[in-house]
């Protein structure tokens, strides 16, 4: 069974990821995102799931960042 990818244009990927079009283009150039093209078209497309993995914040284990505790004293 073939896997069906949800592909987004660069402008749509930028909106979906909450980043600029330039960021998407840079990530494509750096190889952080896979570049897809449809035959006969110049349009570059990005996999939505791959983009989601790249822009989703990762939890930092053992970090006190964002802690609302204050020292007593």
PDB file of N, CA and C in Angstrom:
ATOM      1  N   UNK A   1       0.840  -1.179   0.000  1.00  0.00           N
ATOM      2  CA  UNK A   1       0.000   0.000   0.000  1.00  0.00           C
ATOM      3  C   UNK A   1       0.889   1.248   0.000  1.00  0.00           C
ATOM      4  N   UNK A   2       0.625   2.170  -0.863  1.00  0.00           N
ATOM      5  CA  UNK A   2       1.433   3.381  -0.978  1.00  0.00           C
ATOM      6  C   UNK A   2       1.077   4.370   0.128  1.00  0.00           C
ATOM      7  N   UNK A   3       2.089   5.064   0.614  1.00  0.00           N
ATOM      8  CA  UNK A   3       1.875   6.100   1.626  1.00  0.00           C
ATOM      9  C   UNK A   3       1.552   7.393   0.897  1.00  0.00           C
ATOM     10  N   UNK A   4       0.476   8.031   1.305  1.00  0.00           N
ATOM     11  CA  UNK A   4       0.083   9.291   0.681  1.00  0.00           C
ATOM     12  C   UNK A   4       0.569  10.450   1.547  1.00  0.00           C
ATOM     13  N   UNK A   5       1.346  11.340   0.956  1.00  0.00           N
ATOM     14  CA  UNK A   5       1.868  12.498   1.661  1.00  0.00           C
ATOM     15  C   UNK A   5       0.932  13.680   1.478  1.00  0.00           C
ATOM     16  N   UNK A   6       0.817  14.493   2.504  1.00  0.00           N
ATOM     17  CA  UNK A   6       0.104  15.758   2.360  1.00  0.00           C
ATOM     18  C   UNK A   6       1.174  16.798   2.058  1.00  0.00           C
ATOM     19  N   UNK A   7       1.151  17.319   0.844  1.00  0.00           N
ATOM     20  CA  UNK A   7       2.167  18.265   0.412  1.00  0.00           C
ATOM     21  C   UNK A   7       1.620  19.682   0.414  1.00  0.00           C
ATOM     22  N   UNK A   8       2.453  20.607   0.857  1.00  0.00           N
ATOM     23  CA  UNK A   8       2.082  22.017   0.943  1.00  0.00           C
ATOM     24  C   UNK A   8       3.039  22.857   0.097  1.00  0.00           C
ATOM     25  N   UNK A   9       2.514  23.920  -0.481  1.00  0.00           N
ATOM     26  CA  UNK A   9       3.378  24.882  -1.175  1.00  0.00           C
ATOM     27  C   UNK A   9       4.218  25.610  -0.123  1.00  0.00           C
ATOM     28  N   UNK A  10       5.241  26.302  -0.540  1.00  0.00           N
ATOM     29  CA  UNK A  10       6.083  27.043   0.401  1.00  0.00           C
ATOM     30  C   UNK A  10       5.263  28.084   1.174  1.00  0.00           C
ATOM     31  N   UNK A  11       4.420  28.895   0.518  1.00  0.00           N
ATOM     32  CA  UNK A  11       3.617  29.854   1.299  1.00  0.00           C
ATOM     33  C   UNK A  11       2.674  29.166   2.298  1.00  0.00           C
ATOM     34  N   UNK A  12       2.049  28.069   1.889  1.00  0.00           N
ATOM     35  CA  UNK A  12       1.144  27.347   2.795  1.00  0.00           C
ATOM     36  C   UNK A  12       1.916  26.709   3.944  1.00  0.00           C
ATOM     37  N   UNK A  13       3.115  26.193   3.663  1.00  0.00           N
ATOM     38  CA  UNK A  13       3.949  25.594   4.705  1.00  0.00           C
ATOM     39  C   UNK A  13       4.380  26.653   5.717  1.00  0.00           C
ATOM     40  N   UNK A  14       4.686  27.848   5.237  1.00  0.00           N
ATOM     41  CA  UNK A  14       5.086  28.936   6.138  1.00  0.00           C
ATOM     42  C   UNK A  14       3.947  29.293   7.078  1.00  0.00           C
ATOM     43  N   UNK A  15       2.748  29.379   6.555  1.00  0.00           N
ATOM     44  CA  UNK A  15       1.579  29.686   7.384  1.00  0.00           C
ATOM     45  C   UNK A  15       1.327  28.553   8.378  1.00  0.00           C
ATOM     46  N   UNK A  16       1.355  27.321   7.896  1.00  0.00           N
ATOM     47  CA  UNK A  16       1.090  26.164   8.753  1.00  0.00           C
ATOM     48  C   UNK A  16       2.128  26.034   9.865  1.00  0.00           C
ATOM     49  N   UNK A  17       3.377  26.360   9.569  1.00  0.00           N
ATOM     50  CA  UNK A  17       4.450  26.231  10.550  1.00  0.00           C
ATOM     51  C   UNK A  17       4.653  27.459  11.405  1.00  0.00           C
ATOM     52  N   UNK A  18       3.967  28.550  11.059  1.00  0.00           N
ATOM     53  CA  UNK A  18       4.130  29.788  11.816  1.00  0.00           C
ATOM     54  C   UNK A  18       5.500  30.410  11.639  1.00  0.00           C
ATOM     55  N   UNK A  19       6.076  30.225  10.446  1.00  0.00           N
ATOM     56  CA  UNK A  19       7.402  30.768  10.148  1.00  0.00           C
ATOM     57  C   UNK A  19       7.336  31.525   8.822  1.00  0.00           C
ATOM     58  N   UNK A  20       8.425  32.149   8.430  1.00  0.00           N
ATOM     59  CA  UNK A  20       8.465  32.888   7.171  1.00  0.00           C
ATOM     60  C   UNK A  20       8.729  31.944   5.989  1.00  0.00           C
ATOM     61  N   UNK A  21       8.395  32.421   4.802  1.00  0.00           N
ATOM     62  CA  UNK A  21       8.696  31.645   3.589  1.00  0.00           C
ATOM     63  C   UNK A  21      10.204  31.452   3.475  1.00  0.00           C
ATOM     64  N   UNK A  22      10.969  32.449   3.880  1.00  0.00           N
ATOM     65  CA  UNK A  22      12.428  32.363   3.824  1.00  0.00           C
ATOM     66  C   UNK A  22      12.945  31.218   4.706  1.00  0.00           C
ATOM     67  N   UNK A  23      12.318  31.016   5.867  1.00  0.00           N
ATOM     68  CA  UNK A  23      12.722  29.904   6.743  1.00  0.00           C
ATOM     69  C   UNK A  23      12.497  28.568   6.057  1.00  0.00           C
ATOM     70  N   UNK A  24      11.344  28.426   5.396  1.00  0.00           N
ATOM     71  CA  UNK A  24      11.044  27.176   4.676  1.00  0.00           C
ATOM     72  C   UNK A  24      12.084  26.965   3.583  1.00  0.00           C
ATOM     73  N   UNK A  25      12.391  28.007   2.824  1.00  0.00           N
ATOM     74  CA  UNK A  25      13.383  27.910   1.744  1.00  0.00           C
ATOM     75  C   UNK A  25      14.766  27.546   2.300  1.00  0.00           C
ATOM     76  N   UNK A  26      15.125  28.135   3.434  1.00  0.00           N
ATOM     77  CA  UNK A  26      16.427  27.843   4.063  1.00  0.00           C
ATOM     78  C   UNK A  26      16.477  26.387   4.516  1.00  0.00           C
ATOM     79  N   UNK A  27      15.400  25.903   5.147  1.00  0.00           N
ATOM     80  CA  UNK A  27      15.358  24.520   5.611  1.00  0.00           C
ATOM     81  C   UNK A  27      15.425  23.539   4.448  1.00  0.00           C
ATOM     82  N   UNK A  28      14.829  23.905   3.315  1.00  0.00           N
ATOM     83  CA  UNK A  28      14.939  23.073   2.113  1.00  0.00           C
ATOM     84  C   UNK A  28      16.386  23.037   1.633  1.00  0.00           C
ATOM     85  N   UNK A  29      17.027  24.198   1.585  1.00  0.00           N
ATOM     86  CA  UNK A  29      18.412  24.291   1.123  1.00  0.00           C
ATOM     87  C   UNK A  29      19.366  23.539   2.057  1.00  0.00           C
ATOM     88  N   UNK A  30      19.077  23.555   3.359  1.00  0.00           N
ATOM     89  CA  UNK A  30      19.915  22.871   4.348  1.00  0.00           C
ATOM     90  C   UNK A  30      19.630  21.369   4.415  1.00  0.00           C
ATOM     91  N   UNK A  31      18.563  20.928   3.758  1.00  0.00           N
ATOM     92  CA  UNK A  31      18.207  19.516   3.800  1.00  0.00           C
ATOM     93  C   UNK A  31      17.394  19.121   5.023  1.00  0.00           C
ATOM     94  N   UNK A  32      16.935  20.107   5.778  1.00  0.00           N
ATOM     95  CA  UNK A  32      16.117  19.814   6.967  1.00  0.00           C
ATOM     96  C   UNK A  32      14.692  19.447   6.569  1.00  0.00           C
ATOM     97  N   UNK A  33      14.274  19.862   5.384  1.00  0.00           N
ATOM     98  CA  UNK A  33      12.987  19.470   4.807  1.00  0.00           C
ATOM     99  C   UNK A  33      13.260  18.852   3.440  1.00  0.00           C
ATOM    100  N   UNK A  34      12.447  17.878   3.071  1.00  0.00           N
ATOM    101  CA  UNK A  34      12.580  17.238   1.764  1.00  0.00           C
ATOM    102  C   UNK A  34      11.839  18.059   0.721  1.00  0.00           C
ATOM    103  N   UNK A  35      12.481  18.228  -0.411  1.00  0.00           N
ATOM    104  CA  UNK A  35      11.913  18.998  -1.519  1.00  0.00           C
ATOM    105  C   UNK A  35      11.161  18.049  -2.447  1.00  0.00           C
ATOM    106  N   UNK A  36       9.883  18.338  -2.703  1.00  0.00           N
ATOM    107  CA  UNK A  36       9.083  17.553  -3.634  1.00  0.00           C
ATOM    108  C   UNK A  36       8.654  18.454  -4.782  1.00  0.00           C
ATOM    109  N   UNK A  37       8.660  17.895  -5.990  1.00  0.00           N
ATOM    110  CA  UNK A  37       8.196  18.638  -7.158  1.00  0.00           C
ATOM    111  C   UNK A  37       7.284  17.728  -7.957  1.00  0.00           C
ATOM    112  N   UNK A  38       6.252  18.296  -8.528  1.00  0.00           N
ATOM    113  CA  UNK A  38       5.373  17.529  -9.399  1.00  0.00           C
ATOM    114  C   UNK A  38       5.933  17.599 -10.814  1.00  0.00           C
ATOM    115  N   UNK A  39       5.882  16.487 -11.541  1.00  0.00           N
ATOM    116  CA  UNK A  39       6.405  16.483 -12.918  1.00  0.00           C
ATOM    117  C   UNK A  39       5.769  17.585 -13.772  1.00  0.00           C
ATOM    118  N   UNK A  40       6.626  18.297 -14.484  1.00  0.00           N
ATOM    119  CA  UNK A  40       6.157  19.343 -15.380  1.00  0.00           C
ATOM    120  C   UNK A  40       5.858  20.663 -14.701  1.00  0.00           C
ATOM    121  N   UNK A  41       6.125  20.750 -13.420  1.00  0.00           N
ATOM    122  CA  UNK A  41       5.861  21.996 -12.694  1.00  0.00           C
ATOM    123  C   UNK A  41       7.129  22.465 -11.985  1.00  0.00           C
ATOM    124  N   UNK A  42       7.248  23.761 -11.815  1.00  0.00           N
ATOM    125  CA  UNK A  42       8.382  24.332 -11.113  1.00  0.00           C
ATOM    126  C   UNK A  42       8.094  24.404  -9.611  1.00  0.00           C
ATOM    127  N   UNK A  43       6.840  24.324  -9.258  1.00  0.00           N
ATOM    128  CA  UNK A  43       6.393  24.482  -7.873  1.00  0.00           C
ATOM    129  C   UNK A  43       7.057  23.486  -6.919  1.00  0.00           C
ATOM    130  N   UNK A  44       7.611  24.011  -5.821  1.00  0.00           N
ATOM    131  CA  UNK A  44       8.243  23.195  -4.785  1.00  0.00           C
ATOM    132  C   UNK A  44       7.217  22.929  -3.696  1.00  0.00           C
ATOM    133  N   UNK A  45       7.176  21.676  -3.230  1.00  0.00           N
ATOM    134  CA  UNK A  45       6.231  21.288  -2.198  1.00  0.00           C
ATOM    135  C   UNK A  45       6.953  20.697  -0.999  1.00  0.00           C
ATOM    136  N   UNK A  46       6.315  20.785   0.167  1.00  0.00           N
ATOM    137  CA  UNK A  46       6.884  20.334   1.433  1.00  0.00           C
ATOM    138  C   UNK A  46       5.894  19.377   2.087  1.00  0.00           C
ATOM    139  N   UNK A  47       6.404  18.293   2.700  1.00  0.00           N
ATOM    140  CA  UNK A  47       5.576  17.329   3.417  1.00  0.00           C
ATOM    141  C   UNK A  47       5.103  17.944   4.742  1.00  0.00           C
ATOM    142  N   UNK A  48       3.783  17.981   4.945  1.00  0.00           N
ATOM    143  CA  UNK A  48       3.207  18.600   6.147  1.00  0.00           C
ATOM    144  C   UNK A  48       3.673  17.900   7.427  1.00  0.00           C
ATOM    145  N   UNK A  49       3.759  16.577   7.419  1.00  0.00           N
ATOM    146  CA  UNK A  49       4.182  15.832   8.612  1.00  0.00           C
ATOM    147  C   UNK A  49       5.644  16.125   8.949  1.00  0.00           C
ATOM    148  N   UNK A  50       6.481  16.232   7.934  1.00  0.00           N
ATOM    149  CA  UNK A  50       7.903  16.540   8.138  1.00  0.00           C
ATOM    150  C   UNK A  50       8.056  17.953   8.719  1.00  0.00           C
ATOM    151  N   UNK A  51       7.268  18.874   8.211  1.00  0.00           N
ATOM    152  CA  UNK A  51       7.283  20.250   8.710  1.00  0.00           C
ATOM    153  C   UNK A  51       6.851  20.280  10.176  1.00  0.00           C
ATOM    154  N   UNK A  52       5.801  19.548  10.501  1.00  0.00           N
ATOM    155  CA  UNK A  52       5.291  19.501  11.872  1.00  0.00           C
ATOM    156  C   UNK A  52       6.371  19.008  12.843  1.00  0.00           C
ATOM    157  N   UNK A  53       7.113  17.981  12.429  1.00  0.00           N
ATOM    158  CA  UNK A  53       8.208  17.457  13.271  1.00  0.00           C
ATOM    159  C   UNK A  53       9.281  18.511  13.500  1.00  0.00           C
ATOM    160  N   UNK A  54       9.534  19.321  12.486  1.00  0.00           N
ATOM    161  CA  UNK A  54      10.593  20.324  12.577  1.00  0.00           C
ATOM    162  C   UNK A  54      10.194  21.502  13.469  1.00  0.00           C
ATOM    163  N   UNK A  55       8.943  21.926  13.415  1.00  0.00           N
ATOM    164  CA  UNK A  55       8.538  23.132  14.149  1.00  0.00           C
ATOM    165  C   UNK A  55       7.883  22.856  15.496  1.00  0.00           C
ATOM    166  N   UNK A  56       7.553  21.595  15.807  1.00  0.00           N
ATOM    167  CA  UNK A  56       6.942  21.285  17.097  1.00  0.00           C
ATOM    168  C   UNK A  56       7.990  21.372  18.190  1.00  0.00           C
ATOM    169  N   UNK A  57       7.720  22.184  19.229  1.00  0.00           N
ATOM    170  CA  UNK A  57       8.691  22.286  20.322  1.00  0.00           C
ATOM    171  C   UNK A  57       8.893  20.943  21.016  1.00  0.00           C
ATOM    172  N   UNK A  58      10.108  20.640  21.326  1.00  0.00           N
ATOM    173  CA  UNK A  58      10.443  19.398  22.019  1.00  0.00           C
ATOM    174  C   UNK A  58      10.582  19.688  23.509  1.00  0.00           C
ATOM    175  N   UNK A  59      10.127  18.778  24.342  1.00  0.00           N
ATOM    176  CA  UNK A  59      10.248  18.936  25.794  1.00  0.00           C
ATOM    177  C   UNK A  59      11.709  18.799  26.187  1.00  0.00           C
ATOM    178  N   UNK A  60      12.136  19.617  27.120  1.00  0.00           N
ATOM    179  CA  UNK A  60      13.504  19.557  27.617  1.00  0.00           C
ATOM    180  C   UNK A  60      13.445  18.934  29.005  1.00  0.00           C
ATOM    181  N   UNK A  61      14.020  17.762  29.155  1.00  0.00           N
ATOM    182  CA  UNK A  61      13.993  17.052  30.422  1.00  0.00           C
ATOM    183  C   UNK A  61      15.013  17.660  31.378  1.00  0.00           C
ATOM    184  N   UNK A  62      14.582  17.907  32.618  1.00  0.00           N
ATOM    185  CA  UNK A  62      15.488  18.423  33.632  1.00  0.00           C
ATOM    186  C   UNK A  62      15.685  19.924  33.588  1.00  0.00           C
ATOM    187  N   UNK A  63      14.927  20.600  32.754  1.00  0.00           N
ATOM    188  CA  UNK A  63      15.071  22.042  32.637  1.00  0.00           C
ATOM    189  C   UNK A  63      14.143  22.747  33.614  1.00  0.00           C
ATOM    190  N   UNK A  64      14.616  23.836  34.180  1.00  0.00           N
ATOM    191  CA  UNK A  64      13.783  24.659  35.061  1.00  0.00           C
ATOM    192  C   UNK A  64      13.144  25.811  34.296  1.00  0.00           C
ATOM    193  N   UNK A  65      13.332  25.836  33.000  1.00  0.00           N
ATOM    194  CA  UNK A  65      12.776  26.911  32.182  1.00  0.00           C
ATOM    195  C   UNK A  65      11.270  26.917  32.309  1.00  0.00           C
ATOM    196  N   UNK A  66      10.725  28.078  32.532  1.00  0.00           N
ATOM    197  CA  UNK A  66       9.285  28.211  32.639  1.00  0.00           C
ATOM    198  C   UNK A  66       8.746  27.880  34.010  1.00  0.00           C
ATOM    199  N   UNK A  67       9.615  27.580  34.943  1.00  0.00           N
ATOM    200  CA  UNK A  67       9.170  27.264  36.303  1.00  0.00           C
ATOM    201  C   UNK A  67       8.674  28.508  36.997  1.00  0.00           C
ATOM    202  N   UNK A  68       7.560  28.380  37.702  1.00  0.00           N
ATOM    203  CA  UNK A  68       7.003  29.552  38.383  1.00  0.00           C
ATOM    204  C   UNK A  68       7.342  29.549  39.873  1.00  0.00           C
ATOM    205  N   UNK A  69       8.172  28.613  40.285  1.00  0.00           N
ATOM    206  CA  UNK A  69       8.573  28.574  41.705  1.00  0.00           C
ATOM    207  C   UNK A  69       9.521  29.718  42.026  1.00  0.00           C
ATOM    208  N   UNK A  70       9.336  30.274  43.188  1.00  0.00           N
ATOM    209  CA  UNK A  70      10.248  31.323  43.652  1.00  0.00           C
ATOM    210  C   UNK A  70      10.925  30.866  44.934  1.00  0.00           C
ATOM    211  N   UNK A  71      12.125  31.341  45.104  1.00  0.00           N
ATOM    212  CA  UNK A  71      12.855  31.038  46.328  1.00  0.00           C
ATOM    213  C   UNK A  71      12.263  31.808  47.502  1.00  0.00           C
ATOM    214  N   UNK A  72      12.152  31.143  48.594  1.00  0.00           N
ATOM    215  CA  UNK A  72      11.721  31.831  49.822  1.00  0.00           C
ATOM    216  C   UNK A  72      12.959  32.352  50.522  1.00  0.00           C
ATOM    217  N   UNK A  73      12.833  33.484  51.034  1.00  0.00           N
ATOM    218  CA  UNK A  73      14.015  33.912  51.738  1.00  0.00           C
ATOM    219  C   UNK A  73      14.109  35.314  51.878  1.00  0.00           C
TER     220      UNK A  73
END
